[in-house]
Structure formats: structure tokens, C-alpha cells
């Protein structure tokens, strides 16, 4: 425990030094609360922690909004309740991290590694998770409204009671995903998603258009491929060919 506290203090001191070359912030004994107080007074400070080694760090409730954490090592870190809104976490290592209740609205997590991460009740609305690795992650009760999970790896992910309004699952791998109590009717797209047969059958029967909905970059809007939709509706259509 003492080692973890010393490690956390050292990390937070480093954060303060990186954030500001003019002010020295004494947080050796104050920890996260002092850091957060400083952030309130320095809202425009640039926090650059690209490629930082924060493995196993205890940063519970820390205000890291807008921070650059791309390629950072945060596996097994405690970021429960942390503010990571609009943070850059591209290709960050977050396997086994505790992000329960974390605020990740608008965060860039493209290519991030989040296998076995705890994301229960986290706010991931409007987050970019393209190509992210979330195998066996727990997202029960999380908010994924408007999130982009195109080509994301979601094998055996838990999405019980997760909000999926406008979520993009095109080309995502959702095989063995736990979807109990999850409403799929408001998902934006399942185009070419890898789905278990029973889930695919449910979507085909109730919302076949979601299997034929594609993002049109030129129009910046979702469009339904009508020819594809007619094919999907046919009894002999049972999914995408590998």
C-alpha cells in the first residue's frame, strides 16, 4: 500500500511539472485532491503524458480532461471516476484498468487496449473507439450513445443495460457479447458486424435496416443501402460471408 501511495504521489508531481513550467505545486501529501484543485485554477494547462508509464497508478477521481495520453501505459491503473473527457488515449494500454464511472465523453480511444477493463457506468458518449480492443471488458450500465466502435474488438464484452443510442458497430466483432437487458433498436449500424446467430436473427427480424446502414463521408450522414437491404430481408440471407 505504501509503495502504491508513493508511486501515485510521484506520478502526480510529474503531472504538475509537465502541466506548468512556471508554478510548483506541492502535492506530496495532498495527492489527487490538490491536483484537481490546481486544474480548476489552470483550466487551459496543456497536459502531455504521451507514452508515459503509469502502469498500476492510483489516479482515482483525477481530472485529466483533455490530457494527451496516447501510447501511455495505464494497464491495471485505478482511474475510477476520473475525468478523461476529450482526452487523447489513442493506442493507450488500459488492459485490466479500473475505469468504473469514469467520464470519457468525446475521448479518443482509437486503437486502445482495454481488454478486461472495468468500464461499468462509464460515460463513453461520442467517444472514438475505432479498432479498440475491448475483449471481455465490463461495460454494464455504461453510456455509449454516439460512440464510434467501427472495427472494434468486442469479443465476450459485457453490455448489460448499456445505452447504445446512435452507436456505430459497423465491422465490429461482437461474438459472445453479453447483451442481457440491452436495447439494440437505437444502434446506428451493424453493417458487416460479426454477431452471434441469435443476435443476428433478432436484428434481421426487427431492424434489418441497421445491417444495411453505412456512413456516407461525403454527406456526413447515415444512409441505407437499399439494394443490400432487400438482400438481407431474403430468407436465405444468414449473414456476411467471411
C-alpha atoms as a PDB file:
ATOM      1  CA  UNK A   1       0.000   0.000   0.000  1.00  0.00           C
ATOM      2  CA  UNK A   2       2.799   2.432   0.944  1.00  0.00           C
ATOM      3  CA  UNK A   3       4.600   1.731  -2.318  1.00  0.00           C
ATOM      4  CA  UNK A   4       1.412   2.456  -4.293  1.00  0.00           C
ATOM      5  CA  UNK A   5       0.909   5.747  -2.454  1.00  0.00           C
ATOM      6  CA  UNK A   6       4.495   6.821  -3.092  1.00  0.00           C
ATOM      7  CA  UNK A   7       4.137   5.856  -6.754  1.00  0.00           C
ATOM      8  CA  UNK A   8       0.898   7.798  -7.062  1.00  0.00           C
ATOM      9  CA  UNK A   9       2.409  10.891  -5.412  1.00  0.00           C
ATOM     10  CA  UNK A  10       5.418  10.767  -7.728  1.00  0.00           C
ATOM     11  CA  UNK A  11       3.145  10.495 -10.751  1.00  0.00           C
ATOM     12  CA  UNK A  12       1.017  13.423  -9.667  1.00  0.00           C
ATOM     13  CA  UNK A  13       4.096  15.566  -9.035  1.00  0.00           C
ATOM     14  CA  UNK A  14       5.254  14.707 -12.542  1.00  0.00           C
ATOM     15  CA  UNK A  15       1.849  15.657 -13.884  1.00  0.00           C
ATOM     16  CA  UNK A  16       2.038  19.049 -12.218  1.00  0.00           C
ATOM     17  CA  UNK A  17       5.545  19.686 -13.522  1.00  0.00           C
ATOM     18  CA  UNK A  18       4.534  18.720 -17.044  1.00  0.00           C
ATOM     19  CA  UNK A  19       1.418  20.844 -16.874  1.00  0.00           C
ATOM     20  CA  UNK A  20       3.169  24.004 -15.813  1.00  0.00           C
ATOM     21  CA  UNK A  21       6.784  25.135 -16.042  1.00  0.00           C
ATOM     22  CA  UNK A  22       6.041  28.270 -14.019  1.00  0.00           C
ATOM     23  CA  UNK A  23       4.233  27.004 -10.938  1.00  0.00           C
ATOM     24  CA  UNK A  24       5.454  24.454  -8.448  1.00  0.00           C
ATOM     25  CA  UNK A  25       2.604  22.510  -6.904  1.00  0.00           C
ATOM     26  CA  UNK A  26       3.261  20.771  -3.605  1.00  0.00           C
ATOM     27  CA  UNK A  27       1.107  17.663  -3.727  1.00  0.00           C
ATOM     28  CA  UNK A  28       3.417  15.259  -1.941  1.00  0.00           C
ATOM     29  CA  UNK A  29       0.863  14.936   0.818  1.00  0.00           C
ATOM     30  CA  UNK A  30      -2.261  16.293  -0.887  1.00  0.00           C
ATOM     31  CA  UNK A  31      -2.394  13.856  -3.829  1.00  0.00           C
ATOM     32  CA  UNK A  32      -5.306  13.843  -6.278  1.00  0.00           C
ATOM     33  CA  UNK A  33      -7.404  16.416  -4.437  1.00  0.00           C
ATOM     34  CA  UNK A  34      -4.631  19.014  -4.634  1.00  0.00           C
ATOM     35  CA  UNK A  35      -4.033  18.186  -8.287  1.00  0.00           C
ATOM     36  CA  UNK A  36      -7.721  18.647  -9.052  1.00  0.00           C
ATOM     37  CA  UNK A  37      -7.781  21.953  -7.229  1.00  0.00           C
ATOM     38  CA  UNK A  38      -4.852  23.146  -9.337  1.00  0.00           C
ATOM     39  CA  UNK A  39      -6.605  22.027 -12.531  1.00  0.00           C
ATOM     40  CA  UNK A  40      -9.639  24.120 -11.628  1.00  0.00           C
ATOM     41  CA  UNK A  41      -7.417  27.175 -11.455  1.00  0.00           C
ATOM     42  CA  UNK A  42      -5.465  26.286 -14.605  1.00  0.00           C
ATOM     43  CA  UNK A  43      -8.130  25.050 -16.983  1.00  0.00           C
ATOM     44  CA  UNK A  44      -6.085  25.814 -20.098  1.00  0.00           C
ATOM     45  CA  UNK A  45      -2.941  23.982 -18.983  1.00  0.00           C
ATOM     46  CA  UNK A  46      -1.641  21.507 -21.567  1.00  0.00           C
ATOM     47  CA  UNK A  47      -1.130  18.060 -20.035  1.00  0.00           C
ATOM     48  CA  UNK A  48       1.204  15.986 -22.192  1.00  0.00           C
ATOM     49  CA  UNK A  49       1.682  12.415 -20.958  1.00  0.00           C
ATOM     50  CA  UNK A  50       2.255  10.763 -24.286  1.00  0.00           C
ATOM     51  CA  UNK A  51       3.965   7.367 -23.841  1.00  0.00           C
ATOM     52  CA  UNK A  52       4.057   7.859 -20.056  1.00  0.00           C
ATOM     53  CA  UNK A  53       4.457   4.756 -17.886  1.00  0.00           C
ATOM     54  CA  UNK A  54       1.528   4.917 -15.457  1.00  0.00           C
ATOM     55  CA  UNK A  55       1.091   1.186 -15.030  1.00  0.00           C
ATOM     56  CA  UNK A  56      -0.844   0.402 -11.865  1.00  0.00           C
ATOM     57  CA  UNK A  57      -1.123   4.078 -10.921  1.00  0.00           C
ATOM     58  CA  UNK A  58      -3.801   5.131  -8.437  1.00  0.00           C
ATOM     59  CA  UNK A  59      -5.475   8.133 -10.095  1.00  0.00           C
ATOM     60  CA  UNK A  60      -8.995   7.626  -8.831  1.00  0.00           C
ATOM     61  CA  UNK A  61     -11.090  10.731  -9.477  1.00  0.00           C
ATOM     62  CA  UNK A  62      -8.222  12.637 -11.104  1.00  0.00           C
ATOM     63  CA  UNK A  63      -9.070  15.444 -13.531  1.00  0.00           C
ATOM     64  CA  UNK A  64      -7.239  14.512 -16.733  1.00  0.00           C
ATOM     65  CA  UNK A  65      -9.687  16.123 -19.116  1.00  0.00           C
ATOM     66  CA  UNK A  66      -8.101  16.993 -22.437  1.00  0.00           C
ATOM     67  CA  UNK A  67      -4.818  15.317 -21.486  1.00  0.00           C
ATOM     68  CA  UNK A  68      -2.607  13.746 -24.142  1.00  0.00           C
ATOM     69  CA  UNK A  69      -2.177  10.116 -23.077  1.00  0.00           C
ATOM     70  CA  UNK A  70      -1.619   8.490 -26.440  1.00  0.00           C
ATOM     71  CA  UNK A  71       0.524   5.337 -26.196  1.00  0.00           C
ATOM     72  CA  UNK A  72       0.558   5.700 -22.410  1.00  0.00           C
ATOM     73  CA  UNK A  73       0.878   2.569 -20.268  1.00  0.00           C
ATOM     74  CA  UNK A  74      -2.132   2.598 -17.949  1.00  0.00           C
ATOM     75  CA  UNK A  75      -2.739  -1.123 -17.592  1.00  0.00           C
ATOM     76  CA  UNK A  76      -4.077  -2.055 -14.149  1.00  0.00           C
ATOM     77  CA  UNK A  77      -4.368   1.648 -13.267  1.00  0.00           C
ATOM     78  CA  UNK A  78      -7.165   2.854 -10.996  1.00  0.00           C
ATOM     79  CA  UNK A  79      -8.982   5.605 -12.886  1.00  0.00           C
ATOM     80  CA  UNK A  80     -12.386   5.036 -11.343  1.00  0.00           C
ATOM     81  CA  UNK A  81     -14.442   8.222 -11.545  1.00  0.00           C
ATOM     82  CA  UNK A  82     -11.609  10.047 -13.313  1.00  0.00           C
ATOM     83  CA  UNK A  83     -12.387  12.898 -15.708  1.00  0.00           C
ATOM     84  CA  UNK A  84     -10.924  11.944 -19.095  1.00  0.00           C
ATOM     85  CA  UNK A  85     -13.340  13.954 -21.189  1.00  0.00           C
ATOM     86  CA  UNK A  86     -11.851  14.792 -24.612  1.00  0.00           C
ATOM     87  CA  UNK A  87      -8.577  13.116 -23.609  1.00  0.00           C
ATOM     88  CA  UNK A  88      -6.343  11.651 -26.296  1.00  0.00           C
ATOM     89  CA  UNK A  89      -5.855   7.961 -25.454  1.00  0.00           C
ATOM     90  CA  UNK A  90      -5.004   6.672 -28.911  1.00  0.00           C
ATOM     91  CA  UNK A  91      -3.294   3.273 -28.708  1.00  0.00           C
ATOM     92  CA  UNK A  92      -3.035   3.591 -24.936  1.00  0.00           C
ATOM     93  CA  UNK A  93      -2.596   0.407 -22.909  1.00  0.00           C
ATOM     94  CA  UNK A  94      -5.530   0.128 -20.479  1.00  0.00           C
ATOM     95  CA  UNK A  95      -5.868  -3.626 -20.053  1.00  0.00           C
ATOM     96  CA  UNK A  96      -7.312  -4.541 -16.626  1.00  0.00           C
ATOM     97  CA  UNK A  97      -7.694  -0.841 -15.785  1.00  0.00           C
ATOM     98  CA  UNK A  98     -10.455   0.299 -13.423  1.00  0.00           C
ATOM     99  CA  UNK A  99     -12.478   2.971 -15.242  1.00  0.00           C
ATOM    100  CA  UNK A 100     -15.755   2.461 -13.418  1.00  0.00           C
ATOM    101  CA  UNK A 101     -17.825   5.617 -13.542  1.00  0.00           C
ATOM    102  CA  UNK A 102     -15.098   7.428 -15.477  1.00  0.00           C
ATOM    103  CA  UNK A 103     -16.006  10.410 -17.670  1.00  0.00           C
ATOM    104  CA  UNK A 104     -14.745   9.700 -21.200  1.00  0.00           C
ATOM    105  CA  UNK A 105     -17.174  11.797 -23.244  1.00  0.00           C
ATOM    106  CA  UNK A 106     -15.572  12.644 -26.581  1.00  0.00           C
ATOM    107  CA  UNK A 107     -12.332  10.869 -25.701  1.00  0.00           C
ATOM    108  CA  UNK A 108     -10.176   9.435 -28.485  1.00  0.00           C
ATOM    109  CA  UNK A 109      -9.589   5.756 -27.682  1.00  0.00           C
ATOM    110  CA  UNK A 110      -8.960   4.579 -31.224  1.00  0.00           C
ATOM    111  CA  UNK A 111      -6.726   1.522 -31.197  1.00  0.00           C
ATOM    112  CA  UNK A 112      -6.619   1.495 -27.387  1.00  0.00           C
ATOM    113  CA  UNK A 113      -6.202  -1.773 -25.491  1.00  0.00           C
ATOM    114  CA  UNK A 114      -8.977  -2.215 -22.928  1.00  0.00           C
ATOM    115  CA  UNK A 115      -9.235  -5.982 -22.548  1.00  0.00           C
ATOM    116  CA  UNK A 116     -10.752  -6.971 -19.185  1.00  0.00           C
ATOM    117  CA  UNK A 117     -11.109  -3.286 -18.276  1.00  0.00           C
ATOM    118  CA  UNK A 118     -13.818  -2.254 -15.818  1.00  0.00           C
ATOM    119  CA  UNK A 119     -15.984   0.363 -17.519  1.00  0.00           C
ATOM    120  CA  UNK A 120     -19.242  -0.152 -15.645  1.00  0.00           C
ATOM    121  CA  UNK A 121     -21.335   3.043 -15.592  1.00  0.00           C
ATOM    122  CA  UNK A 122     -18.637   4.927 -17.509  1.00  0.00           C
ATOM    123  CA  UNK A 123     -19.634   7.772 -19.846  1.00  0.00           C
ATOM    124  CA  UNK A 124     -18.228   6.965 -23.293  1.00  0.00           C
ATOM    125  CA  UNK A 125     -20.742   9.032 -25.230  1.00  0.00           C
ATOM    126  CA  UNK A 126     -19.350  10.423 -28.510  1.00  0.00           C
ATOM    127  CA  UNK A 127     -16.056   8.611 -27.833  1.00  0.00           C
ATOM    128  CA  UNK A 128     -13.905   7.357 -30.697  1.00  0.00           C
ATOM    129  CA  UNK A 129     -13.224   3.644 -30.146  1.00  0.00           C
ATOM    130  CA  UNK A 130     -12.447   2.626 -33.717  1.00  0.00           C
ATOM    131  CA  UNK A 131     -10.338  -0.501 -33.734  1.00  0.00           C
ATOM    132  CA  UNK A 132     -10.165  -0.563 -29.935  1.00  0.00           C
ATOM    133  CA  UNK A 133      -9.575  -3.882 -28.164  1.00  0.00           C
ATOM    134  CA  UNK A 134     -12.275  -4.452 -25.539  1.00  0.00           C
ATOM    135  CA  UNK A 135     -12.355  -8.226 -25.248  1.00  0.00           C
ATOM    136  CA  UNK A 136     -14.120  -9.320 -22.024  1.00  0.00           C
ATOM    137  CA  UNK A 137     -14.376  -5.728 -20.806  1.00  0.00           C
ATOM    138  CA  UNK A 138     -17.261  -4.873 -18.480  1.00  0.00           C
ATOM    139  CA  UNK A 139     -19.440  -2.031 -19.782  1.00  0.00           C
ATOM    140  CA  UNK A 140     -22.614  -2.793 -17.861  1.00  0.00           C
ATOM    141  CA  UNK A 141     -24.682   0.360 -17.442  1.00  0.00           C
ATOM    142  CA  UNK A 142     -22.220   2.424 -19.466  1.00  0.00           C
ATOM    143  CA  UNK A 143     -23.218   5.211 -21.846  1.00  0.00           C
ATOM    144  CA  UNK A 144     -22.082   4.558 -25.433  1.00  0.00           C
ATOM    145  CA  UNK A 145     -24.501   6.998 -27.071  1.00  0.00           C
ATOM    146  CA  UNK A 146     -22.991   8.271 -30.306  1.00  0.00           C
ATOM    147  CA  UNK A 147     -19.772   6.320 -29.767  1.00  0.00           C
ATOM    148  CA  UNK A 148     -17.844   5.055 -32.781  1.00  0.00           C
ATOM    149  CA  UNK A 149     -16.855   1.401 -32.359  1.00  0.00           C
ATOM    150  CA  UNK A 150     -16.185   0.667 -36.009  1.00  0.00           C
ATOM    151  CA  UNK A 151     -13.990  -2.429 -36.371  1.00  0.00           C
ATOM    152  CA  UNK A 152     -13.658  -2.638 -32.583  1.00  0.00           C
ATOM    153  CA  UNK A 153     -12.792  -5.970 -30.968  1.00  0.00           C
ATOM    154  CA  UNK A 154     -15.654  -6.679 -28.562  1.00  0.00           C
ATOM    155  CA  UNK A 155     -15.465 -10.431 -28.125  1.00  0.00           C
ATOM    156  CA  UNK A 156     -17.224 -11.552 -24.919  1.00  0.00           C
ATOM    157  CA  UNK A 157     -17.727  -7.934 -23.832  1.00  0.00           C
ATOM    158  CA  UNK A 158     -20.431  -7.261 -21.232  1.00  0.00           C
ATOM    159  CA  UNK A 159     -23.014  -4.721 -22.402  1.00  0.00           C
ATOM    160  CA  UNK A 160     -25.843  -5.383 -19.950  1.00  0.00           C
ATOM    161  CA  UNK A 161     -28.126  -2.362 -19.732  1.00  0.00           C
ATOM    162  CA  UNK A 162     -25.684  -0.263 -21.761  1.00  0.00           C
ATOM    163  CA  UNK A 163     -27.096   2.774 -23.578  1.00  0.00           C
ATOM    164  CA  UNK A 164     -26.435   2.418 -27.320  1.00  0.00           C
ATOM    165  CA  UNK A 165     -28.315   5.287 -28.910  1.00  0.00           C
ATOM    166  CA  UNK A 166     -26.639   6.127 -32.221  1.00  0.00           C
ATOM    167  CA  UNK A 167     -23.712   3.776 -31.564  1.00  0.00           C
ATOM    168  CA  UNK A 168     -21.689   2.632 -34.572  1.00  0.00           C
ATOM    169  CA  UNK A 169     -20.885  -1.105 -34.531  1.00  0.00           C
ATOM    170  CA  UNK A 170     -20.095  -1.427 -38.224  1.00  0.00           C
ATOM    171  CA  UNK A 171     -17.439  -4.108 -38.820  1.00  0.00           C
ATOM    172  CA  UNK A 172     -17.122  -4.687 -35.065  1.00  0.00           C
ATOM    173  CA  UNK A 173     -16.639  -8.169 -33.598  1.00  0.00           C
ATOM    174  CA  UNK A 174     -19.439  -8.751 -31.079  1.00  0.00           C
ATOM    175  CA  UNK A 175     -19.278 -12.530 -30.894  1.00  0.00           C
ATOM    176  CA  UNK A 176     -20.103 -13.938 -27.455  1.00  0.00           C
ATOM    177  CA  UNK A 177     -21.068 -10.455 -26.226  1.00  0.00           C
ATOM    178  CA  UNK A 178     -23.372 -10.383 -23.190  1.00  0.00           C
ATOM    179  CA  UNK A 179     -26.372  -8.243 -24.129  1.00  0.00           C
ATOM    180  CA  UNK A 180     -28.956  -9.057 -21.451  1.00  0.00           C
ATOM    181  CA  UNK A 181     -31.342  -6.160 -20.917  1.00  0.00           C
ATOM    182  CA  UNK A 182     -29.687  -4.127 -23.662  1.00  0.00           C
ATOM    183  CA  UNK A 183     -31.893  -2.302 -26.175  1.00  0.00           C
ATOM    184  CA  UNK A 184     -30.438  -2.620 -29.670  1.00  0.00           C
ATOM    185  CA  UNK A 185     -33.150  -0.751 -31.543  1.00  0.00           C
ATOM    186  CA  UNK A 186     -31.383   2.629 -31.388  1.00  0.00           C
ATOM    187  CA  UNK A 187     -27.974   1.421 -32.587  1.00  0.00           C
ATOM    188  CA  UNK A 188     -26.891   3.332 -35.697  1.00  0.00           C
ATOM    189  CA  UNK A 189     -25.275   0.492 -37.635  1.00  0.00           C
ATOM    190  CA  UNK A 190     -24.371  -3.196 -37.506  1.00  0.00           C
ATOM    191  CA  UNK A 191     -23.053  -3.194 -41.073  1.00  0.00           C
ATOM    192  CA  UNK A 192     -20.712  -6.172 -41.535  1.00  0.00           C
ATOM    193  CA  UNK A 193     -20.534  -6.698 -37.784  1.00  0.00           C
ATOM    194  CA  UNK A 194     -19.625 -10.165 -36.531  1.00  0.00           C
ATOM    195  CA  UNK A 195     -22.610 -11.303 -34.458  1.00  0.00           C
ATOM    196  CA  UNK A 196     -23.783 -14.475 -32.796  1.00  0.00           C
ATOM    197  CA  UNK A 197     -26.513 -16.190 -34.883  1.00  0.00           C
ATOM    198  CA  UNK A 198     -29.300 -15.471 -32.377  1.00  0.00           C
ATOM    199  CA  UNK A 199     -28.377 -11.765 -32.194  1.00  0.00           C
ATOM    200  CA  UNK A 200     -28.144 -11.532 -35.977  1.00  0.00           C
ATOM    201  CA  UNK A 201     -31.564 -13.181 -36.311  1.00  0.00           C
ATOM    202  CA  UNK A 202     -33.072 -10.713 -33.831  1.00  0.00           C
ATOM    203  CA  UNK A 203     -31.667  -7.711 -35.689  1.00  0.00           C
ATOM    204  CA  UNK A 204     -32.676  -9.085 -39.088  1.00  0.00           C
ATOM    205  CA  UNK A 205     -36.226  -9.729 -37.908  1.00  0.00           C
ATOM    206  CA  UNK A 206     -36.753  -6.429 -36.085  1.00  0.00           C
ATOM    207  CA  UNK A 207     -34.368  -3.831 -37.552  1.00  0.00           C
ATOM    208  CA  UNK A 208     -32.886  -5.157 -40.826  1.00  0.00           C
ATOM    209  CA  UNK A 209     -32.035  -1.623 -41.958  1.00  0.00           C
ATOM    210  CA  UNK A 210     -29.305  -1.481 -39.292  1.00  0.00           C
ATOM    211  CA  UNK A 211     -27.451  -4.201 -41.179  1.00  0.00           C
ATOM    212  CA  UNK A 212     -27.504  -2.083 -44.342  1.00  0.00           C
ATOM    213  CA  UNK A 213     -26.742   1.322 -42.833  1.00  0.00           C
ATOM    214  CA  UNK A 214     -23.438   2.863 -43.932  1.00  0.00           C
ATOM    215  CA  UNK A 215     -21.778   6.172 -43.071  1.00  0.00           C
ATOM    216  CA  UNK A 216     -21.573   8.409 -46.132  1.00  0.00           C
ATOM    217  CA  UNK A 217     -18.478  10.595 -45.672  1.00  0.00           C
ATOM    218  CA  UNK A 218     -19.452  12.999 -48.443  1.00  0.00           C
ATOM    219  CA  UNK A 219     -22.917  13.580 -46.997  1.00  0.00           C
ATOM    220  CA  UNK A 220     -21.720  13.231 -43.401  1.00  0.00           C
ATOM    221  CA  UNK A 221     -24.796  11.180 -42.678  1.00  0.00           C
ATOM    222  CA  UNK A 222     -26.003   7.595 -42.285  1.00  0.00           C
ATOM    223  CA  UNK A 223     -27.548   6.149 -45.430  1.00  0.00           C
ATOM    224  CA  UNK A 224     -29.330   2.861 -46.071  1.00  0.00           C
ATOM    225  CA  UNK A 225     -28.097   0.767 -48.990  1.00  0.00           C
ATOM    226  CA  UNK A 226     -31.493  -0.195 -50.396  1.00  0.00           C
ATOM    227  CA  UNK A 227     -30.230  -2.982 -52.667  1.00  0.00           C
ATOM    228  CA  UNK A 228     -28.327  -4.537 -49.783  1.00  0.00           C
ATOM    229  CA  UNK A 229     -31.360  -4.194 -47.525  1.00  0.00           C
ATOM    230  CA  UNK A 230     -33.503  -6.182 -49.943  1.00  0.00           C
ATOM    231  CA  UNK A 231     -30.898  -8.946 -49.975  1.00  0.00           C
ATOM    232  CA  UNK A 232     -30.768  -9.025 -46.188  1.00  0.00           C
ATOM    233  CA  UNK A 233     -34.534  -9.389 -45.959  1.00  0.00           C
ATOM    234  CA  UNK A 234     -34.481 -12.574 -48.046  1.00  0.00           C
ATOM    235  CA  UNK A 235     -34.925 -15.857 -46.086  1.00  0.00           C
ATOM    236  CA  UNK A 236     -31.700 -17.308 -47.480  1.00  0.00           C
ATOM    237  CA  UNK A 237     -29.551 -14.449 -46.132  1.00  0.00           C
ATOM    238  CA  UNK A 238     -27.836 -15.613 -42.921  1.00  0.00           C
ATOM    239  CA  UNK A 239     -25.017 -13.138 -42.524  1.00  0.00           C
ATOM    240  CA  UNK A 240     -21.907 -11.779 -44.105  1.00  0.00           C
ATOM    241  CA  UNK A 241     -19.538 -14.057 -45.966  1.00  0.00           C
ATOM    242  CA  UNK A 242     -16.091 -14.264 -44.394  1.00  0.00           C
END
